Amino acid sequence: MFETWQKQIPMIDLMGVSPLYASEYVLENLVKFEPNENEKHTVLGGSLTSACALSGWMICSSSFEKSNVSIVKQESEFYAPIKRNFIVRVTVTPDDMDIVKQKMQSRGKSSMKVVAQIFEEGSSKAAMQANMVYAVSTFED
């Protein structure tokens, strides 16, 4: 699926995003430092929030392949500057996933909560966290 998105969404290559891990509840992407570096030799804050939004969209879209997915809310907290490649880890709780699946079956639309954390490559301490909400709805014919 990543290869298809890569062809359809130029930002993936421009930001240097590559997949690391994906399951139903967790998705991790590695993002290159160089294309996202600012004048202070850290990662641009906009690149961090974009990487979170993109990775969140990916986990929602992979769970609901035949649905429209769009971000409706993102709140971010920055804890430390990023000075090298970084990993975006997005998670969805099993309970939230079950609720979204039930609402999609009964109503054809729902909202999905996704948490994103960013780690410098090789670090276990989060440098940023974003709480996001995505709208998920069935395609209209």
C-alpha atoms as a PDB file:
ATOM      1  CA  MET A   1       0.000   0.000   0.000  1.00  0.00           C
ATOM      2  CA  PHE A   2       2.882   2.377   0.805  1.00  0.00           C
ATOM      3  CA  GLU A   3       4.170   2.178  -2.772  1.00  0.00           C
ATOM      4  CA  THR A   4       0.759   3.252  -4.101  1.00  0.00           C
ATOM      5  CA  TRP A   5       0.638   6.232  -1.726  1.00  0.00           C
ATOM      6  CA  GLN A   6       4.201   7.113  -2.705  1.00  0.00           C
ATOM      7  CA  LYS A   7       3.107   7.422  -6.340  1.00  0.00           C
ATOM      8  CA  GLN A   8      -0.001   9.436  -5.469  1.00  0.00           C
ATOM      9  CA  ILE A   9       1.396  11.761  -2.777  1.00  0.00           C
ATOM     10  CA  PRO A  10       4.625  13.577  -3.778  1.00  0.00           C
ATOM     11  CA  MET A  11       5.156  14.835  -0.212  1.00  0.00           C
ATOM     12  CA  ILE A  12       6.156  11.308   0.859  1.00  0.00           C
ATOM     13  CA  ASP A  13       9.320  11.371  -1.256  1.00  0.00           C
ATOM     14  CA  LEU A  14       9.955  15.089  -0.775  1.00  0.00           C
ATOM     15  CA  MET A  15      10.040  14.631   3.011  1.00  0.00           C
ATOM     16  CA  GLY A  16      12.061  11.404   2.812  1.00  0.00           C
ATOM     17  CA  VAL A  17       9.410   9.192   4.423  1.00  0.00           C
ATOM     18  CA  SER A  18       9.875   5.415   4.392  1.00  0.00           C
ATOM     19  CA  PRO A  19       7.901   2.683   6.169  1.00  0.00           C
ATOM     20  CA  LEU A  20       9.323   0.824   9.164  1.00  0.00           C
ATOM     21  CA  TYR A  21       6.405  -1.081  10.703  1.00  0.00           C
ATOM     22  CA  ALA A  22       2.651  -1.399  10.323  1.00  0.00           C
ATOM     23  CA  SER A  23      -0.076  -3.304  12.149  1.00  0.00           C
ATOM     24  CA  GLU A  24      -3.752  -2.636  12.736  1.00  0.00           C
ATOM     25  CA  TYR A  25      -3.031  -0.395  15.740  1.00  0.00           C
ATOM     26  CA  VAL A  26       0.527   0.916  15.180  1.00  0.00           C
ATOM     27  CA  LEU A  27       2.358   2.422  12.213  1.00  0.00           C
ATOM     28  CA  GLU A  28       5.950   3.680  12.160  1.00  0.00           C
ATOM     29  CA  ASN A  29       7.691   5.724   9.482  1.00  0.00           C
ATOM     30  CA  LEU A  30      11.309   6.832   9.268  1.00  0.00           C
ATOM     31  CA  VAL A  31      11.716  10.423   8.060  1.00  0.00           C
ATOM     32  CA  LYS A  32      15.013  11.800   6.735  1.00  0.00           C
ATOM     33  CA  PHE A  33      16.562  14.822   8.434  1.00  0.00           C
ATOM     34  CA  GLU A  34      18.062  16.632   5.426  1.00  0.00           C
ATOM     35  CA  PRO A  35      14.934  17.596   3.432  1.00  0.00           C
ATOM     36  CA  ASN A  36      13.277  18.824   6.649  1.00  0.00           C
ATOM     37  CA  GLU A  37      16.186  20.805   8.130  1.00  0.00           C
ATOM     38  CA  ASN A  38      15.725  24.478   9.010  1.00  0.00           C
ATOM     39  CA  GLU A  39      18.286  27.281   9.304  1.00  0.00           C
ATOM     40  CA  LYS A  40      19.033  26.282  12.928  1.00  0.00           C
ATOM     41  CA  HIS A  41      20.005  22.760  11.788  1.00  0.00           C
ATOM     42  CA  THR A  42      16.992  21.167  13.451  1.00  0.00           C
ATOM     43  CA  VAL A  43      13.838  19.758  11.875  1.00  0.00           C
ATOM     44  CA  LEU A  44      11.299  22.389  10.868  1.00  0.00           C
ATOM     45  CA  GLY A  45       8.220  22.275  13.138  1.00  0.00           C
ATOM     46  CA  GLY A  46       5.947  22.215  10.095  1.00  0.00           C
ATOM     47  CA  SER A  47       7.706  19.084   8.861  1.00  0.00           C
ATOM     48  CA  LEU A  48       7.115  17.409  12.221  1.00  0.00           C
ATOM     49  CA  THR A  49       3.401  18.206  12.235  1.00  0.00           C
ATOM     50  CA  SER A  50       3.116  17.200   8.555  1.00  0.00           C
ATOM     51  CA  ALA A  51       4.859  13.872   9.231  1.00  0.00           C
ATOM     52  CA  CYS A  52       2.398  13.216  12.075  1.00  0.00           C
ATOM     53  CA  ALA A  53      -0.624  14.137   9.951  1.00  0.00           C
ATOM     54  CA  LEU A  54       0.577  12.013   7.032  1.00  0.00           C
ATOM     55  CA  SER A  55       1.349   8.988   9.216  1.00  0.00           C
ATOM     56  CA  GLY A  56      -2.019   9.287  10.965  1.00  0.00           C
ATOM     57  CA  TRP A  57      -3.737   9.435   7.583  1.00  0.00           C
ATOM     58  CA  MET A  58      -1.839   6.295   6.575  1.00  0.00           C
ATOM     59  CA  ILE A  59      -3.010   4.219   9.546  1.00  0.00           C
ATOM     60  CA  CYS A  60      -6.614   5.373   9.050  1.00  0.00           C
ATOM     61  CA  SER A  61      -6.499   4.775   5.299  1.00  0.00           C
ATOM     62  CA  SER A  62      -4.992   1.313   5.687  1.00  0.00           C
ATOM     63  CA  SER A  63      -7.753   0.358   8.133  1.00  0.00           C
ATOM     64  CA  PHE A  64     -10.531   1.797   5.957  1.00  0.00           C
ATOM     65  CA  GLU A  65      -9.267   1.399   2.386  1.00  0.00           C
ATOM     66  CA  LYS A  66     -12.578   2.179   0.710  1.00  0.00           C
ATOM     67  CA  SER A  67     -13.294   5.338   2.706  1.00  0.00           C
ATOM     68  CA  ASN A  68     -12.572   9.044   2.626  1.00  0.00           C
ATOM     69  CA  VAL A  69     -10.117  10.026   5.361  1.00  0.00           C
ATOM     70  CA  SER A  70      -9.306  13.602   6.338  1.00  0.00           C
ATOM     71  CA  ILE A  71      -7.729  15.223   9.362  1.00  0.00           C
ATOM     72  CA  VAL A  72     -10.049  17.519  11.294  1.00  0.00           C
ATOM     73  CA  LYS A  73      -7.977  18.336  14.386  1.00  0.00           C
ATOM     74  CA  GLN A  74      -4.339  18.213  15.488  1.00  0.00           C
ATOM     75  CA  GLU A  75      -2.886  19.414  18.777  1.00  0.00           C
ATOM     76  CA  SER A  76       0.882  19.144  19.131  1.00  0.00           C
ATOM     77  CA  GLU A  77       3.359  19.472  21.982  1.00  0.00           C
ATOM     78  CA  PHE A  78       7.080  19.857  21.268  1.00  0.00           C
ATOM     79  CA  TYR A  79       9.508  18.620  23.942  1.00  0.00           C
ATOM     80  CA  ALA A  80      12.919  18.820  22.264  1.00  0.00           C
ATOM     81  CA  PRO A  81      14.469  19.799  18.929  1.00  0.00           C
ATOM     82  CA  ILE A  82      15.193  17.044  16.394  1.00  0.00           C
ATOM     83  CA  LYS A  83      18.713  17.058  14.952  1.00  0.00           C
ATOM     84  CA  ARG A  84      18.793  13.852  12.890  1.00  0.00           C
ATOM     85  CA  ASN A  85      16.491  11.354  11.147  1.00  0.00           C
ATOM     86  CA  PHE A  86      13.348  10.706  13.127  1.00  0.00           C
ATOM     87  CA  ILE A  87      10.650   8.101  13.591  1.00  0.00           C
ATOM     88  CA  VAL A  88       6.937   8.876  13.645  1.00  0.00           C
ATOM     89  CA  ARG A  89       4.914   6.305  15.603  1.00  0.00           C
ATOM     90  CA  VAL A  90       1.139   6.583  15.330  1.00  0.00           C
ATOM     91  CA  THR A  91      -1.203   4.497  17.443  1.00  0.00           C
ATOM     92  CA  VAL A  92      -4.902   3.768  17.675  1.00  0.00           C
ATOM     93  CA  THR A  93      -6.365   1.926  20.654  1.00  0.00           C
ATOM     94  CA  PRO A  94      -8.197  -1.354  19.977  1.00  0.00           C
ATOM     95  CA  ASP A  95     -11.306   0.073  21.698  1.00  0.00           C
ATOM     96  CA  ASP A  96     -11.330   3.167  19.473  1.00  0.00           C
ATOM     97  CA  MET A  97     -10.806   1.006  16.376  1.00  0.00           C
ATOM     98  CA  ASP A  98     -13.787  -1.185  17.346  1.00  0.00           C
ATOM     99  CA  ILE A  99     -16.008   1.867  17.870  1.00  0.00           C
ATOM    100  CA  VAL A 100     -15.027   3.323  14.480  1.00  0.00           C
ATOM    101  CA  LYS A 101     -15.711  -0.008  12.740  1.00  0.00           C
ATOM    102  CA  GLN A 102     -19.146  -0.249  14.371  1.00  0.00           C
ATOM    103  CA  LYS A 103     -20.052   3.324  13.400  1.00  0.00           C
ATOM    104  CA  MET A 104     -18.824   2.802   9.844  1.00  0.00           C
ATOM    105  CA  GLN A 105     -21.102  -0.237   9.510  1.00  0.00           C
ATOM    106  CA  SER A 106     -24.152   1.443  11.014  1.00  0.00           C
ATOM    107  CA  ARG A 107     -23.763   5.063   9.864  1.00  0.00           C
ATOM    108  CA  GLY A 108     -21.134   5.067   7.111  1.00  0.00           C
ATOM    109  CA  LYS A 109     -19.064   7.670   8.970  1.00  0.00           C
ATOM    110  CA  SER A 110     -17.114   8.149  12.171  1.00  0.00           C
ATOM    111  CA  SER A 111     -14.189   9.968  13.710  1.00  0.00           C
ATOM    112  CA  MET A 112     -10.946   8.266  14.663  1.00  0.00           C
ATOM    113  CA  LYS A 113      -8.533   9.346  17.406  1.00  0.00           C
ATOM    114  CA  VAL A 114      -4.845   8.873  16.601  1.00  0.00           C
ATOM    115  CA  VAL A 115      -1.834   9.628  18.792  1.00  0.00           C
ATOM    116  CA  ALA A 116       1.504  10.369  17.138  1.00  0.00           C
ATOM    117  CA  GLN A 117       4.884  10.484  18.810  1.00  0.00           C
ATOM    118  CA  ILE A 118       8.173  11.528  17.250  1.00  0.00           C
ATOM    119  CA  PHE A 119      11.511  10.103  18.322  1.00  0.00           C
ATOM    120  CA  GLU A 120      14.978  10.923  17.080  1.00  0.00           C
ATOM    121  CA  GLU A 121      16.374   7.814  15.423  1.00  0.00           C
ATOM    122  CA  GLY A 122      18.052   5.750  18.156  1.00  0.00           C
ATOM    123  CA  SER A 123      16.222   7.473  21.034  1.00  0.00           C
ATOM    124  CA  SER A 124      13.398   6.138  23.208  1.00  0.00           C
ATOM    125  CA  LYS A 125      12.420   9.596  24.517  1.00  0.00           C
ATOM    126  CA  ALA A 126       9.623  11.342  22.611  1.00  0.00           C
ATOM    127  CA  ALA A 127      10.541  14.773  21.220  1.00  0.00           C
ATOM    128  CA  MET A 128       6.958  15.574  20.185  1.00  0.00           C
ATOM    129  CA  GLN A 129       3.431  14.275  20.612  1.00  0.00           C
ATOM    130  CA  ALA A 130       0.350  15.068  18.558  1.00  0.00           C
ATOM    131  CA  ASN A 131      -3.254  14.148  19.294  1.00  0.00           C
ATOM    132  CA  MET A 132      -5.274  14.030  16.108  1.00  0.00           C
ATOM    133  CA  VAL A 133      -8.823  13.325  14.993  1.00  0.00           C
ATOM    134  CA  TYR A 134      -9.652  12.087  11.499  1.00  0.00           C
ATOM    135  CA  ALA A 135     -13.038  12.012   9.786  1.00  0.00           C
ATOM    136  CA  VAL A 136     -13.711   8.688   8.107  1.00  0.00           C
ATOM    137  CA  SER A 137     -16.651   8.235   5.756  1.00  0.00           C
ATOM    138  CA  THR A 138     -17.715   5.933   2.969  1.00  0.00           C
ATOM    139  CA  PHE A 139     -17.265   7.094  -0.616  1.00  0.00           C
ATOM    140  CA  GLU A 140     -20.400   8.485  -2.159  1.00  0.00           C
ATOM    141  CA  ASP A 141     -21.268   7.175  -5.607  1.00  0.00           C
END
